[in-house]
Amino acid sequence: MSETDLELAKTAMEANLKLLDGLLEVDPDNRELLTLAAQGYTGYALMFVEDENPARAGALYQRAKNLGLRALAQRGRAFLKGDFNARQLAGLTKRLKEEDIPAAYWTAAAWSSSISLDRTSPASVAELPRALGLMQWVYDREPAFFHSAPRWFFGAYYASVSPMFGGDVDKSKEYFQEALKAEGDNFLLGKVMMARSVAVQTLDRELYVKLLEETLTGAPDEPPDLRLMNRVAQIKARAALLKVDDVFD
């Protein structure tokens, strides 16, 4: 995650993911390996696949979700199938411990991303409350996890869905402001998420351009583990700026 050469990082991630796959063949119930693989496939799909090949990204997110559920299943076997209802999820999350936060986060992130890429499927959309419930569990315990990732997540979520399904732009702005206060200007992907969600939802072209241009300016105190993701965010920002007229026409 500290590599700034995107091609080198992409090649290295591919090799590491296959290494993790091989290790899991030998030790299929290793929670640490399962969690790392869920994180790896989620990050790889987000950074290198989703914009160019959404269908492939969806399959990778599904793989990441299933790996994460396998890690969580060691706290409750019902996690494995992923077909629990809200009441069952409440019972399952009571079994989770602080050390399960990474597995829960990457599972929920991959799950929701998979659903987002398959919104025309009623069966897929019906799974959204499970992913949201799992992410809420993470937020309630460690909202600052991975540079406030749960805060950025809910900021994007509440601005991206219809009010009929719980969307709320004001609530979205609250989450984003909470994330910005905690992370400053260092998590550049968050600004891209704000532009694509809040700015588009409110038809605020000025905010859209401002956030994307700030992303291109860079992070003043960039942590090493955000170098790769921030370079990816800048690529996404450049592409989004080229589409500004299409978005707001």
Protein backbone atom coordinates (compact mmCIF):
# COMPACT_ATOMS: atom_id res chain seq x y z
CA MET A 1 0.00 0.00 0.00
CA SER A 2 3.02 2.30 0.18
CA GLU A 3 4.05 1.68 -3.45
CA THR A 4 3.53 4.65 -5.79
CA ASP A 5 4.25 2.85 -9.07
CA LEU A 6 0.79 1.57 -9.97
CA GLU A 7 1.89 -1.12 -12.42
CA LEU A 8 4.41 -2.49 -9.94
CA ALA A 9 1.80 -2.43 -7.18
CA LYS A 10 -0.77 -4.16 -9.37
CA THR A 11 1.65 -6.93 -10.33
CA ALA A 12 2.73 -7.38 -6.71
CA MET A 13 -0.86 -7.55 -5.48
CA GLU A 14 -1.73 -10.20 -8.05
CA ALA A 15 1.21 -12.32 -6.96
CA ASN A 16 0.39 -11.87 -3.28
CA LEU A 17 -3.25 -12.79 -3.80
CA LYS A 18 -2.31 -16.04 -5.50
CA LEU A 19 0.16 -16.71 -2.71
CA LEU A 20 -2.64 -16.24 -0.17
CA ASP A 21 -4.85 -18.57 -2.21
CA GLY A 22 -2.13 -21.21 -2.07
CA LEU A 23 -1.62 -20.79 1.67
CA LEU A 24 -5.36 -21.13 2.23
CA GLU A 25 -5.36 -24.41 0.32
CA VAL A 26 -3.02 -25.72 3.00
CA ASP A 27 -4.64 -23.95 5.96
CA PRO A 28 -8.26 -23.18 4.92
CA ASP A 29 -9.47 -22.04 8.36
CA ASN A 30 -6.70 -19.58 9.13
CA ARG A 31 -8.59 -16.41 10.14
CA GLU A 32 -5.63 -14.11 9.57
CA LEU A 33 -5.06 -15.41 6.04
CA LEU A 34 -8.78 -15.27 5.25
CA THR A 35 -8.97 -11.67 6.44
CA LEU A 36 -5.88 -10.65 4.48
CA ALA A 37 -7.28 -12.29 1.35
CA ALA A 38 -10.64 -10.54 1.79
CA GLN A 39 -8.83 -7.21 2.16
CA GLY A 40 -6.57 -7.94 -0.79
CA TYR A 41 -9.30 -8.90 -3.24
CA THR A 42 -11.45 -5.93 -2.17
CA GLY A 43 -8.59 -3.48 -2.61
CA TYR A 44 -7.49 -5.00 -5.91
CA ALA A 45 -11.02 -4.82 -7.35
CA LEU A 46 -11.51 -1.23 -6.17
CA MET A 47 -8.19 0.12 -7.34
CA PHE A 48 -7.49 -1.78 -10.53
CA VAL A 49 -10.64 -3.41 -11.90
CA GLU A 50 -13.95 -1.71 -11.06
CA ASP A 51 -13.74 1.29 -13.40
CA GLU A 52 -12.63 -0.75 -16.42
CA ASN A 53 -14.46 -4.05 -15.90
CA PRO A 54 -17.39 -3.85 -13.45
CA ALA A 55 -18.48 -7.44 -14.10
CA ARG A 56 -15.06 -8.82 -13.18
CA ALA A 57 -14.89 -6.50 -10.17
CA GLY A 58 -18.25 -7.85 -9.00
CA ALA A 59 -16.91 -11.39 -9.12
CA LEU A 60 -13.80 -10.36 -7.18
CA TYR A 61 -15.93 -8.61 -4.55
CA GLN A 62 -17.97 -11.78 -4.21
CA ARG A 63 -14.78 -13.76 -3.69
CA ALA A 64 -13.64 -11.28 -1.04
CA LYS A 65 -17.03 -11.41 0.70
CA ASN A 66 -16.96 -15.20 0.84
CA LEU A 67 -13.44 -15.20 2.25
CA GLY A 68 -14.49 -12.72 4.91
CA LEU A 69 -17.56 -14.74 5.82
CA ARG A 70 -15.36 -17.80 6.24
CA ALA A 71 -13.26 -15.85 8.73
CA LEU A 72 -16.34 -14.65 10.63
CA ALA A 73 -17.90 -18.13 10.56
CA GLN A 74 -15.44 -19.18 13.22
CA ARG A 75 -17.51 -17.05 15.61
CA GLY A 76 -20.81 -18.41 14.30
CA ARG A 77 -21.41 -20.94 11.53
CA ALA A 78 -24.47 -19.03 10.33
CA PHE A 79 -22.11 -16.41 8.90
CA LEU A 80 -20.94 -18.89 6.31
CA LYS A 81 -24.03 -18.86 4.07
CA GLY A 82 -24.63 -15.14 4.48
CA ASP A 83 -28.41 -15.58 4.48
CA PHE A 84 -29.08 -14.44 8.05
CA ASN A 85 -31.87 -11.94 8.80
CA ALA A 86 -31.57 -8.80 10.94
CA ARG A 87 -32.45 -10.59 14.18
CA GLN A 88 -29.97 -13.37 13.47
CA LEU A 89 -27.28 -10.83 12.56
CA ALA A 90 -27.76 -9.10 15.91
CA GLY A 91 -27.15 -12.43 17.61
CA LEU A 92 -24.15 -13.22 15.45
CA THR A 93 -22.42 -9.88 16.01
CA LYS A 94 -22.68 -10.38 19.77
CA ARG A 95 -20.20 -13.22 19.30
CA LEU A 96 -17.68 -11.05 17.50
CA LYS A 97 -14.66 -9.64 19.29
CA GLU A 98 -12.49 -6.57 18.75
CA GLU A 99 -10.00 -8.62 16.74
CA ASP A 100 -12.80 -9.41 14.27
CA ILE A 101 -13.15 -5.77 13.21
CA PRO A 102 -10.88 -6.12 10.13
CA ALA A 103 -12.69 -9.25 8.91
CA ALA A 104 -16.09 -7.64 9.50
CA TYR A 105 -15.11 -4.43 7.73
CA TRP A 106 -13.64 -6.03 4.61
CA THR A 107 -16.54 -8.47 4.37
CA ALA A 108 -19.09 -5.66 4.56
CA ALA A 109 -17.13 -3.47 2.14
CA ALA A 110 -16.82 -6.24 -0.44
CA TRP A 111 -20.44 -7.28 0.00
CA SER A 112 -21.85 -3.79 -0.44
CA SER A 113 -19.58 -3.12 -3.44
CA SER A 114 -20.79 -6.33 -5.07
CA ILE A 115 -24.39 -5.28 -4.52
CA SER A 116 -23.71 -1.78 -5.87
CA LEU A 117 -22.50 -3.31 -9.13
CA ASP A 118 -25.60 -5.52 -9.39
CA ARG A 119 -28.43 -3.13 -8.51
CA THR A 120 -30.78 -4.53 -11.14
CA SER A 121 -30.92 -7.85 -9.29
CA PRO A 122 -33.65 -7.94 -6.60
CA ALA A 123 -31.90 -10.88 -4.95
CA SER A 124 -28.66 -8.95 -4.72
CA VAL A 125 -30.30 -5.77 -3.39
CA ALA A 126 -32.15 -7.84 -0.79
CA GLU A 127 -28.77 -8.69 0.76
CA LEU A 128 -27.91 -5.04 1.41
CA PRO A 129 -29.29 -4.88 4.99
CA ARG A 130 -26.89 -7.67 5.97
CA ALA A 131 -23.86 -5.82 4.63
CA LEU A 132 -25.05 -2.58 6.24
CA GLY A 133 -25.67 -4.28 9.56
CA LEU A 134 -22.18 -5.72 9.58
CA MET A 135 -20.66 -2.34 8.68
CA GLN A 136 -22.72 -0.68 11.40
CA TRP A 137 -21.21 -3.11 13.91
CA VAL A 138 -17.74 -1.99 12.81
CA TYR A 139 -18.67 1.69 12.94
CA ASP A 140 -20.11 1.36 16.43
CA ARG A 141 -16.85 -0.11 17.71
CA GLU A 142 -14.10 1.53 15.69
CA PRO A 143 -15.26 4.31 13.32
CA ALA A 144 -11.61 5.28 12.76
CA PHE A 145 -10.68 1.86 11.35
CA PHE A 146 -8.46 2.11 8.26
CA HIS A 147 -8.42 5.90 8.09
CA SER A 148 -12.11 6.24 9.03
CA ALA A 149 -13.24 3.87 6.29
CA PRO A 150 -16.61 3.15 8.01
CA ARG A 151 -17.33 6.90 8.12
CA TRP A 152 -16.52 7.35 4.43
CA PHE A 153 -18.63 4.28 3.67
CA PHE A 154 -21.79 5.59 5.30
CA GLY A 155 -21.24 9.05 3.86
CA ALA A 156 -21.25 7.59 0.36
CA TYR A 157 -24.09 5.19 1.12
CA TYR A 158 -26.62 7.73 2.42
CA ALA A 159 -26.02 10.03 -0.56
CA SER A 160 -26.16 7.29 -3.16
CA VAL A 161 -29.47 5.58 -2.41
CA SER A 162 -32.99 6.84 -2.92
CA PRO A 163 -34.79 8.37 0.08
CA MET A 164 -37.32 5.57 -0.44
CA PHE A 165 -34.61 3.13 0.65
CA GLY A 166 -33.19 5.24 3.48
CA GLY A 167 -31.11 7.75 1.57
CA ASP A 168 -30.47 11.00 3.41
CA VAL A 169 -28.10 13.66 2.05
CA ASP A 170 -27.94 15.51 5.36
CA LYS A 171 -26.93 12.33 7.15
CA SER A 172 -24.39 11.68 4.39
CA LYS A 173 -22.81 15.09 4.95
CA GLU A 174 -22.56 14.40 8.69
CA TYR A 175 -20.61 11.21 8.10
CA PHE A 176 -18.33 12.88 5.57
CA GLN A 177 -17.65 15.81 7.89
CA GLU A 178 -16.87 13.37 10.68
CA ALA A 179 -14.39 11.58 8.41
CA LEU A 180 -12.80 14.81 7.20
CA LYS A 181 -12.37 16.04 10.76
CA ALA A 182 -10.64 12.80 11.71
CA GLU A 183 -8.50 12.35 8.59
CA GLY A 184 -7.96 15.87 7.30
CA ASP A 185 -6.95 15.94 3.65
CA ASN A 186 -4.98 12.71 3.65
CA PHE A 187 -7.56 10.11 2.54
CA LEU A 188 -7.98 11.36 -1.02
CA LEU A 189 -10.34 8.61 -2.10
CA GLY A 190 -12.83 10.01 0.40
CA LYS A 191 -13.03 13.26 -1.57
CA VAL A 192 -13.66 11.34 -4.76
CA MET A 193 -16.44 9.47 -2.95
CA MET A 194 -17.94 12.79 -1.79
CA ALA A 195 -17.84 14.19 -5.29
CA ARG A 196 -19.48 11.11 -6.81
CA SER A 197 -22.17 10.95 -4.15
CA VAL A 198 -23.05 14.20 -2.35
CA ALA A 199 -22.08 16.60 -5.13
CA VAL A 200 -23.89 14.57 -7.79
CA GLN A 201 -26.97 13.94 -5.63
CA THR A 202 -27.32 17.67 -4.82
CA LEU A 203 -26.39 18.75 -8.37
CA ASP A 204 -23.56 20.85 -6.93
CA ARG A 205 -21.15 21.18 -9.83
CA GLU A 206 -18.93 23.63 -7.94
CA LEU A 207 -18.47 21.19 -5.04
CA TYR A 208 -17.84 18.34 -7.47
CA VAL A 209 -15.02 20.20 -9.20
CA LYS A 210 -13.59 21.53 -5.93
CA LEU A 211 -13.33 18.08 -4.33
CA LEU A 212 -11.74 16.51 -7.39
CA GLU A 213 -9.24 19.35 -7.82
CA GLU A 214 -8.32 19.07 -4.14
CA THR A 215 -7.71 15.37 -4.74
CA LEU A 216 -5.28 16.21 -7.54
CA THR A 217 -3.45 18.66 -5.25
CA GLY A 218 -2.45 15.73 -3.04
CA ALA A 219 -2.29 14.94 0.65
CA PRO A 220 -0.21 17.29 2.85
CA ASP A 221 0.72 14.67 5.48
CA GLU A 222 0.27 11.47 3.52
CA PRO A 223 0.73 8.32 5.62
CA PRO A 224 2.88 5.68 3.90
CA ASP A 225 0.03 3.15 3.80
CA LEU A 226 -2.11 5.55 1.75
CA ARG A 227 0.38 6.29 -1.02
CA LEU A 228 -0.98 3.70 -3.42
CA MET A 229 -4.63 4.39 -2.71
CA ASN A 230 -4.08 8.13 -3.04
CA ARG A 231 -2.43 7.71 -6.45
CA VAL A 232 -5.43 5.64 -7.52
CA ALA A 233 -7.77 8.33 -6.14
CA GLN A 234 -6.02 10.92 -8.29
CA ILE A 235 -6.49 8.80 -11.40
CA LYS A 236 -10.18 8.46 -10.57
CA ALA A 237 -10.40 12.22 -9.96
CA ARG A 238 -8.86 13.06 -13.36
CA ALA A 239 -11.30 10.73 -15.09
CA ALA A 240 -14.24 12.22 -13.19
CA LEU A 241 -13.24 15.78 -14.08
CA LEU A 242 -13.28 14.85 -17.76
CA LYS A 243 -16.92 13.81 -17.35
CA VAL A 244 -18.13 16.87 -15.45
CA ASP A 245 -20.25 18.17 -18.36
CA ASP A 246 -21.86 14.77 -18.84
CA VAL A 247 -22.63 14.46 -15.12
CA PHE A 248 -24.27 17.87 -14.76
CA ASP A 249 -25.92 18.38 -18.16
